[in-house]
C-alpha cells in the first residue's frame, strides 16, 4: 500500500485528508481480483498472479501497446 500511495497519492489517499493513505481503495480491487480467480494470497503475506491473472495481465499489456483503449 505504501508504494501505491507514494507513487499515486491522489488516487490512494482519503478524500478529505490527502496526506493519509486509504488502504480500502487497494483492498477493494484486490478482493475483486481474488474473487475473479486472478490472484491468490492475502494482505498479511503477499499476493501472486494465478494462471488466469497472468493471462489477463498479458492481454491488458498487449492492449496498452496497441493503444486500442475504448
Foldseek 3Di string as FASTA:
>chain_A
DVVCCVVCLVQQCDPVDSVHGDVVSVVVVVVVCVVVVQWDDDPVPDIDGDPVVVVVVVVVVVCVVVVPDD
